[in-house]
Protein backbone atom coordinates (compact mmCIF):
# COMPACT_ATOMS: atom_id res chain seq x y z
CA MET A 1 103.59 117.54 94.86
CA LEU A 2 105.60 114.78 96.53
CA THR A 3 107.13 111.86 94.63
CA PRO A 4 108.47 108.60 96.10
CA ASP A 5 111.87 107.00 96.13
CA GLN A 6 112.33 105.62 92.59
CA ARG A 7 114.96 102.98 93.41
CA PRO A 8 114.20 99.47 92.09
CA ALA A 9 111.69 97.61 94.22
CA PRO A 10 112.61 94.49 96.20
CA HIS A 11 112.15 91.41 94.03
CA ARG A 12 108.76 89.74 94.23
CA THR A 13 107.37 87.09 91.90
CA LEU A 14 104.10 88.06 90.21
CA CYS A 15 104.62 91.67 91.27
CA THR A 16 103.46 94.91 89.63
CA ASP A 17 105.30 97.13 92.16
CA CYS A 18 102.17 98.66 93.72
CA GLY A 19 104.44 100.23 96.35
CA ILE A 20 103.75 98.15 99.45
CA SER A 21 107.10 96.38 99.13
CA ARG A 22 108.75 99.83 99.44
CA SER A 23 106.92 100.65 102.67
CA SER A 24 108.17 100.33 106.25
CA ASP A 25 106.66 96.83 106.45
CA PRO A 26 107.20 95.10 103.10
CA LYS A 27 106.06 91.78 104.56
CA ARG A 28 102.50 93.10 104.26
CA CYS A 29 102.70 92.09 100.59
CA GLY A 30 101.88 88.56 101.72
CA ARG A 31 98.39 89.55 102.83
CA ALA A 32 97.75 92.49 100.54
CA CYS A 33 98.70 91.21 97.10
CA GLN A 34 96.08 90.42 94.50
CA PHE A 35 98.33 87.74 93.02
CA ILE A 36 98.63 85.54 96.10
CA ALA A 37 95.22 84.64 97.55
CA PRO A 38 92.67 87.38 96.76
CA ASP A 39 89.43 87.55 98.73
CA TYR A 40 87.06 89.55 96.56
CA PRO A 41 83.82 88.61 98.37
CA GLY A 42 85.33 89.67 101.69
CA LEU A 43 86.75 92.97 100.45
CA GLU A 44 83.64 93.75 98.37
CA THR A 45 81.61 93.35 101.54
CA ALA A 46 83.99 95.59 103.48
CA VAL A 47 84.04 98.29 100.78
CA HIS A 48 80.53 98.14 99.29
CA GLY A 49 78.52 96.48 102.05
CA ARG A 50 77.92 93.28 100.07
CA PRO A 51 79.60 90.97 97.54
CA ARG A 52 78.57 90.93 93.90
CA ASN A 53 75.13 89.43 93.30
CA ALA A 54 74.91 87.99 89.79
CA ASP A 55 71.58 86.27 90.51
CA ASP A 56 69.69 89.55 90.88
CA LYS A 57 72.03 91.74 88.78
CA PRO A 58 73.57 89.59 86.02
CA ASP A 59 76.06 92.25 84.97
CA GLU A 60 77.67 92.14 88.40
CA ALA A 61 79.20 88.82 87.29
CA PHE A 62 81.21 90.89 84.83
CA PHE A 63 81.61 94.35 86.32
CA GLY A 64 81.38 93.81 90.08
CA VAL A 65 79.17 95.51 92.65
CA HIS A 66 77.53 98.65 91.33
CA ARG A 67 74.58 100.95 91.85
CA ARG A 68 74.45 102.30 88.30
CA MET A 69 76.46 102.69 85.14
CA TYR A 70 76.67 105.62 82.75
CA ARG A 71 77.98 106.66 79.38
CA ALA A 72 79.61 109.99 80.20
CA ARG A 73 81.60 112.97 78.96
CA LEU A 74 82.52 116.37 80.31
CA ALA A 75 80.49 119.13 78.68
CA THR A 76 83.77 121.00 78.20
CA PRO A 77 86.56 118.51 77.49
CA ARG A 78 89.92 119.28 79.09
CA ASP A 79 92.93 119.93 76.88
CA GLY A 80 95.48 117.14 77.09
CA ALA A 81 93.04 114.64 78.60
CA GLN A 82 92.97 111.03 77.45
CA TRP A 83 89.23 111.24 76.77
CA THR A 84 87.37 114.29 78.09
CA GLY A 85 89.18 114.48 81.43
CA ILE A 86 86.66 113.03 83.88
CA THR A 87 89.21 111.27 86.10
CA THR A 88 91.38 114.36 86.47
CA ARG A 89 88.35 116.57 87.02
CA LEU A 90 87.14 114.29 89.82
CA GLY A 91 90.50 114.70 91.56
CA GLU A 92 90.28 118.47 91.17
CA ALA A 93 86.71 118.58 92.48
CA MET A 94 87.51 116.48 95.55
CA LEU A 95 90.31 118.89 96.47
CA GLU A 96 88.26 122.00 95.70
CA SER A 97 85.31 120.84 97.78
CA GLY A 98 87.40 119.79 100.77
CA MET A 99 86.22 116.20 100.45
CA VAL A 100 89.91 115.26 100.60
CA ASP A 101 93.11 117.13 101.40
CA ALA A 102 95.37 115.03 99.15
CA VAL A 103 95.11 112.94 96.01
CA LEU A 104 97.53 110.11 95.23
CA ALA A 105 97.91 109.85 91.45
CA VAL A 106 100.59 109.57 88.76
CA ARG A 107 102.10 112.13 86.42
CA PRO A 108 104.61 111.69 83.59
CA ASP A 109 108.31 111.53 84.30
CA PRO A 110 110.00 114.82 83.29
CA ASP A 111 112.33 112.89 80.96
CA ASP A 112 109.79 110.40 79.54
CA ARG A 113 106.17 111.33 78.88
CA TRP A 114 105.09 107.67 78.96
CA LYS A 115 106.67 106.74 82.31
CA PRO A 116 104.36 107.05 85.36
CA VAL A 117 105.65 108.78 88.49
CA PRO A 118 103.48 108.67 91.66
CA VAL A 119 102.71 112.02 93.28
CA ILE A 120 100.77 113.43 96.22
CA VAL A 121 98.66 116.31 94.90
CA THR A 122 97.32 118.86 97.38
CA ARG A 123 96.36 121.71 95.02
CA SER A 124 93.55 121.22 92.52
CA GLU A 125 95.44 123.10 89.80
CA ASP A 126 98.24 120.53 89.98
CA MET A 127 95.91 117.71 88.91
CA ALA A 128 96.30 118.92 85.31
CA GLN A 129 99.83 117.48 85.37
CA CYS A 130 98.32 114.01 85.84
CA ARG A 131 96.26 113.99 82.64
CA GLY A 132 96.73 111.31 80.03
CA MET A 133 97.79 107.69 79.84
CA ARG A 134 101.06 106.32 81.19
CA MET A 135 102.51 102.87 80.53
CA GLY A 136 104.62 101.07 83.08
CA PHE A 137 104.57 100.15 86.76
CA ALA A 138 104.30 102.86 89.41
CA PRO A 139 104.73 102.31 93.19
CA LEU A 140 101.75 104.50 94.00
CA LEU A 141 101.11 102.99 97.43
CA SER A 142 104.61 103.83 98.60
CA LEU A 143 103.13 107.32 99.13
CA LEU A 144 100.60 106.19 101.74
CA GLU A 145 103.03 106.54 104.65
CA PRO A 146 104.43 109.90 103.45
CA ALA A 147 100.86 111.18 103.03
CA ARG A 148 99.97 110.18 106.57
CA ALA A 149 103.24 111.62 107.92
CA ALA A 150 102.44 114.93 106.19
CA GLY A 151 99.21 115.13 108.18
CA HIS A 152 96.76 114.20 105.44
CA ARG A 153 93.79 112.41 106.96
CA ARG A 154 91.27 112.39 104.10
CA ILE A 155 92.81 111.13 100.88
CA ALA A 156 91.75 110.05 97.42
CA VAL A 157 93.62 107.44 95.41
CA ILE A 158 93.42 107.26 91.63
CA GLY A 159 94.76 103.84 90.80
CA ILE A 160 94.69 100.65 88.77
CA PRO A 161 93.26 97.35 90.08
CA CYS A 162 96.40 95.77 91.57
CA GLN A 163 97.10 99.00 93.48
CA VAL A 164 93.51 99.31 94.66
CA TYR A 165 93.30 95.69 95.86
CA ALA A 166 96.36 96.15 98.09
CA LEU A 167 95.03 99.47 99.34
CA ARG A 168 91.70 97.94 100.33
CA ALA A 169 93.36 94.93 101.97
CA LEU A 170 95.33 97.26 104.24
CA GLU A 171 92.94 100.21 104.50
CA ALA A 172 91.69 99.46 108.02
CA GLU A 173 95.20 99.70 109.47
CA LEU A 174 96.46 102.73 107.55
CA GLY A 175 95.11 105.33 109.98
CA PHE A 176 93.27 107.62 107.56
CA GLU A 177 89.97 109.23 108.46
CA ALA A 178 88.59 108.62 104.97
CA VAL A 179 89.83 107.03 101.74
CA TYR A 180 88.09 107.66 98.41
CA VAL A 181 89.06 105.59 95.39
CA VAL A 182 88.68 106.49 91.73
CA GLY A 183 89.63 103.38 89.81
CA THR A 184 90.63 103.00 86.19
CA PRO A 185 90.34 99.65 84.37
CA CYS A 186 93.65 98.11 83.43
CA SER A 187 94.80 95.30 81.19
CA ASP A 188 98.03 94.17 79.61
CA ASN A 189 100.37 96.67 81.20
CA THR A 190 104.07 96.37 80.44
CA THR A 191 107.29 98.15 81.25
CA THR A 192 107.81 101.63 79.88
CA GLU A 193 110.80 100.31 77.95
CA ASN A 194 108.66 97.63 76.29
CA PHE A 195 106.07 100.24 75.43
CA HIS A 196 108.67 102.34 73.65
CA ALA A 197 109.58 99.25 71.61
CA PHE A 198 105.90 98.82 70.71
CA LEU A 199 105.63 102.44 69.57
CA ALA A 200 108.69 101.88 67.38
CA ARG A 201 106.78 99.12 65.61
CA LEU A 202 103.93 101.52 64.86
CA ASP A 203 105.89 104.45 63.51
CA PRO A 204 109.44 105.18 62.28
CA ALA A 205 109.46 108.29 64.50
CA PRO A 206 107.96 106.98 67.77
CA GLU A 207 109.30 109.92 69.76
CA THR A 208 106.76 112.15 68.00
CA ILE A 209 103.76 110.16 69.27
CA CYS A 210 102.13 112.02 72.16
CA TYR A 211 98.89 110.05 72.60
CA LEU A 212 97.76 106.45 72.20
CA GLU A 213 94.38 104.96 73.01
CA PHE A 214 92.79 101.56 72.40
CA ARG A 215 89.23 102.53 71.52
CA ALA A 216 85.99 100.58 71.74
CA ASP A 217 85.53 100.84 67.95
CA TYR A 218 88.35 98.32 67.41
CA ARG A 219 90.91 100.95 66.53
CA VAL A 220 93.99 102.46 68.13
CA GLU A 221 94.20 106.23 67.90
CA LEU A 222 97.61 107.87 67.68
CA ARG A 223 98.24 111.59 67.96
CA TYR A 224 101.47 113.35 67.11
CA ASP A 225 103.27 116.43 68.34
CA ASP A 226 102.56 118.19 65.05
CA GLY A 227 98.79 117.71 65.39
CA ARG A 228 98.40 114.71 63.10
CA VAL A 229 95.96 111.93 64.05
CA ARG A 230 96.23 108.35 62.84
CA GLU A 231 93.94 105.36 63.39
CA ILE A 232 95.07 101.72 63.19
CA PRO A 233 92.55 98.82 63.25
CA PHE A 234 93.26 96.32 66.00
CA LEU A 235 93.79 93.57 63.44
CA LYS A 236 96.64 95.51 61.84
CA LEU A 237 98.58 95.97 65.07
CA PRO A 238 101.86 94.02 65.35
CA ILE A 239 100.70 92.18 68.50
CA ALA A 240 101.72 88.76 67.16
CA ASP A 241 105.25 90.08 66.54
CA LEU A 242 105.83 91.05 70.17
CA PRO A 243 108.16 88.86 72.27
CA ALA A 244 106.50 86.27 74.48
CA ASP A 245 107.42 88.13 77.67
CA PHE A 246 106.22 91.54 76.45
CA PHE A 247 103.22 91.34 78.80
CA PRO A 248 104.18 89.98 82.25
CA LEU A 249 102.38 87.00 83.73
CA THR A 250 100.75 89.31 86.29
CA CYS A 251 98.85 91.14 83.57
CA ARG A 252 98.00 87.94 81.72
CA THR A 253 96.46 86.56 84.92
CA CYS A 254 94.74 89.62 86.40
CA VAL A 255 91.23 88.85 87.66
CA ASP A 256 90.06 92.46 88.15
CA TYR A 257 89.98 94.33 84.84
CA THR A 258 87.17 96.68 86.02
CA ASN A 259 88.71 97.73 89.34
CA ALA A 260 85.88 96.22 91.37
CA LEU A 261 87.05 97.60 94.74
CA SER A 262 87.03 101.26 93.69
CA ASP A 263 84.23 103.60 94.75
CA ILE A 264 83.78 104.73 91.17
CA THR A 265 85.39 103.28 88.05
CA VAL A 266 86.16 105.54 85.08
CA GLY A 267 86.97 103.71 81.84
CA TYR A 268 85.92 103.48 78.22
CA MET A 269 84.99 99.87 77.36
CA GLY A 270 81.23 100.32 77.69
CA GLY A 271 81.18 103.95 76.57
CA GLN A 272 80.73 103.56 72.79
CA GLY A 273 83.01 106.49 72.06
CA ASP A 274 82.47 108.25 75.38
CA GLN A 275 83.69 107.34 78.84
CA TRP A 276 82.08 104.67 80.97
CA LEU A 277 81.34 105.20 84.64
CA ILE A 278 80.55 102.50 87.20
CA VAL A 279 79.22 103.99 90.44
CA ARG A 280 79.69 101.28 93.04
CA ASN A 281 78.66 102.72 96.40
CA ALA A 282 77.58 105.86 98.29
CA ARG A 283 81.11 107.28 98.23
CA GLY A 284 81.24 106.86 94.46
CA ALA A 285 77.89 108.61 94.10
CA ALA A 286 79.11 111.49 96.27
CA ILE A 287 82.26 111.83 94.15
CA LEU A 288 80.21 111.96 90.94
CA ASP A 289 77.80 114.51 92.45
CA LEU A 290 80.71 116.95 92.61
CA LEU A 291 80.51 117.26 88.81
CA ALA A 292 76.80 118.11 88.66
CA GLY A 293 76.19 120.59 85.88
CA GLU A 294 79.47 119.91 84.07
CA ILE A 295 79.13 116.24 83.11
CA GLU A 296 76.74 114.72 80.56
CA LEU A 297 75.35 111.32 81.57
CA SER A 298 73.27 108.80 79.64
CA ALA A 299 72.47 105.10 79.79
CA PRO A 300 75.12 102.83 78.21
CA GLY A 301 74.06 100.85 75.15
CA SER A 302 74.73 97.23 74.22
CA LYS A 303 74.81 95.72 70.70
CA GLY A 304 76.10 92.63 68.94
CA ASP A 305 77.04 89.16 70.13
CA ARG A 306 80.36 88.52 71.87
CA THR A 307 80.32 84.72 71.56
CA ALA A 308 82.27 84.21 68.32
CA PRO A 309 84.99 86.79 69.05
CA VAL A 310 85.54 85.35 72.53
CA LYS A 311 85.76 81.80 71.19
CA GLY A 312 88.28 82.93 68.59
CA PHE A 313 90.31 84.63 71.29
CA MET A 314 90.28 81.45 73.38
CA VAL A 315 91.69 79.40 70.48
CA ASN A 316 94.54 81.85 69.96
CA THR A 317 95.22 82.09 73.69
CA GLU A 318 95.38 78.30 73.99
CA ARG A 319 98.06 78.32 71.31
CA ALA A 320 99.98 81.17 72.92
CA ALA A 321 99.81 79.61 76.40
CA GLY A 322 101.16 76.40 74.93
CA GLY A 323 104.05 78.17 73.25
CA LEU A 324 102.63 77.82 69.72
CA PRO A 325 102.57 80.70 67.22
CA LEU A 326 99.40 82.73 66.99
CA ARG A 327 97.14 82.10 64.03
CA ARG A 328 97.46 85.07 61.74
CA MET A 329 94.60 86.30 59.59
CA PRO A 330 95.52 86.49 55.88
CA ASN A 331 96.35 90.06 54.92
CA PHE A 332 93.63 90.24 52.26
CA LEU A 333 90.99 89.57 54.95
CA ARG A 334 92.21 92.06 57.53
CA GLY A 335 90.78 95.11 55.80
CA ILE A 336 87.39 93.45 55.39
CA VAL A 337 87.18 92.28 58.99
CA SER A 338 88.46 95.64 60.27
CA TRP A 339 85.58 97.31 58.42
CA LEU A 340 83.04 94.82 59.78
CA GLN A 341 84.13 94.77 63.44
CA PRO A 342 82.87 98.20 64.53
CA ARG A 343 79.62 97.62 62.61
CA THR A 344 78.72 94.05 63.53
CA GLY A 345 80.94 93.14 66.48
CA PRO A 346 80.01 93.56 70.15
CA ARG A 347 79.62 97.20 71.16
CA GLY A 348 78.89 99.07 74.35
CA LEU A 349 78.34 96.83 77.34
CA GLU A 350 78.55 93.75 75.11
CA PHE A 351 82.07 94.83 74.11
CA ALA A 352 82.93 95.20 77.80
CA ARG A 353 81.50 91.75 78.60
CA ALA A 354 83.57 90.26 75.78
CA ARG A 355 86.71 91.88 77.14
CA LEU A 356 86.02 90.58 80.66
CA GLU A 357 85.47 87.04 79.39
CA MET A 358 88.66 87.24 77.35
CA LYS A 359 90.64 88.32 80.39
CA ALA A 360 89.12 85.52 82.47
CA ILE A 361 89.99 82.93 79.80
CA GLU A 362 93.51 84.31 79.54
CA THR A 363 93.94 84.03 83.30
CA VAL A 364 92.96 80.37 83.49
CA LEU A 365 94.89 79.22 80.42
CA HIS A 366 98.14 80.97 81.29
CA LEU A 367 98.05 79.86 84.93
CA ARG A 368 97.41 76.27 83.85
CA ARG A 369 100.52 76.47 81.72
CA ARG A 370 102.82 78.52 83.95
CA ARG A 371 101.60 78.29 87.57
CA PRO A 372 99.12 75.39 87.90
CA ALA A 373 99.54 75.12 91.67
CA ALA A 374 98.50 78.76 92.09
CA ILE A 375 95.12 78.48 90.35
CA LYS A 376 93.15 77.40 93.41
CA HIS A 377 94.42 80.44 95.32
CA MET A 378 94.48 83.08 92.56
CA VAL A 379 91.29 82.42 90.57
CA PRO A 380 88.13 83.52 92.42
CA ASP A 381 84.66 82.11 91.84
CA HIS A 382 83.50 85.02 89.69
CA VAL A 383 86.24 84.27 87.12
CA TRP A 384 85.26 80.59 86.91
CA ALA A 385 81.67 81.72 86.36
CA LEU A 386 82.73 83.73 83.29
CA VAL A 387 84.86 81.03 81.66
CA GLY A 388 82.33 78.27 82.30
CA ARG A 389 80.30 79.55 79.35
CA TYR A 390 83.18 78.46 77.11
CA GLY A 391 83.72 75.01 78.59
CA LEU A 392 86.49 75.91 81.06
CA HIS A 393 85.76 74.45 84.48
CA PRO A 394 88.00 73.92 87.50
CA THR A 395 89.38 70.47 88.10
CA GLU A 396 89.34 69.12 91.62
CA ASP A 397 92.85 70.49 92.20
CA GLU A 398 91.88 73.91 90.83
CA ARG A 399 88.84 74.61 92.94
CA PRO A 400 89.05 77.90 94.85
CA ALA A 401 90.49 77.61 98.33
CA LYS A 402 87.81 77.94 100.97
CA SER A 403 88.14 80.22 103.95
CA SER A 404 87.97 78.93 107.50
CA GLU A 405 84.47 80.44 107.81
CA ASP A 406 83.34 78.42 104.77
């Protein structure tokens, strides 16, 4: 397993340290970064053969190009996995089958279980070290050149959206014979140091927490080194007490929660307690086929109505973007609403749609406040389509920049 140079990255505004700035040609950031002038229709066409088509497949407006979606779980869950271990198992299977000869992924830092460290994995048994969630920014793509120099020609990358966008933007010039991408959804990342501060707000002994997951039933699950399990309703989390800069502007303005340029996305939002798979193209289908006989697949469900929760989120986000304090629910109501949410709120794919609309609203409102001149470059058409349902429309100065072909 090979890890990259961990020195601080060169300074970039709106940067999540995907790793390109640490490469031999850091100027490529200007044409590879998701936060400068993303071209999703162009890259979707290059990766999937076509851009998203919301007219014929309405859910592509939310989730991007896809062939099919599944609710999924491994028949035999893996110990130490975040859910049942599908992402890690896919990496193992690609190495075992010879589909790839290296997997770029992240494992925990030896001195901090929450800090992500990028690694090149060449043995399937080493994928187990990459199980679980990390919080923080990891220069995963700084390993592309070392992987190529080591002679790897067929690689897989397990990454988050900002890493995958840059990978796809540069893929044609990287010199690999084949690149397979397993994407994980991502939202509201922060530094590992900030995450430790968040854990300290949840428990007086944060160092004993070994697992944290935001679940689709409106609860956060915590696990402890001594085997204890604790659940906290979303409404009882100290989110409103976090400092204003806890989540960076990059994560508040990300337009690709579902990792639309991956070959297969593995998440949880639409899984209703299981994992949620989005198979986007033939490569994604071939990756999933490697788990035939060991993965249980079913159709995802969809219940509830997302409209009211999304409108409530927009009101709070408007206040936050304007520097006003968030509206707090009275304590006596929190228990009642926490009981109602998983029973009457949006669930399954409707929960996922709600989350995508919330992210789109957050993007527009925070950019209008903090970077108004960047909106026409950073906000693609598919994001405007989502927020239009809630009365947010681009002004003349905010309309997406057109390409020379347009």
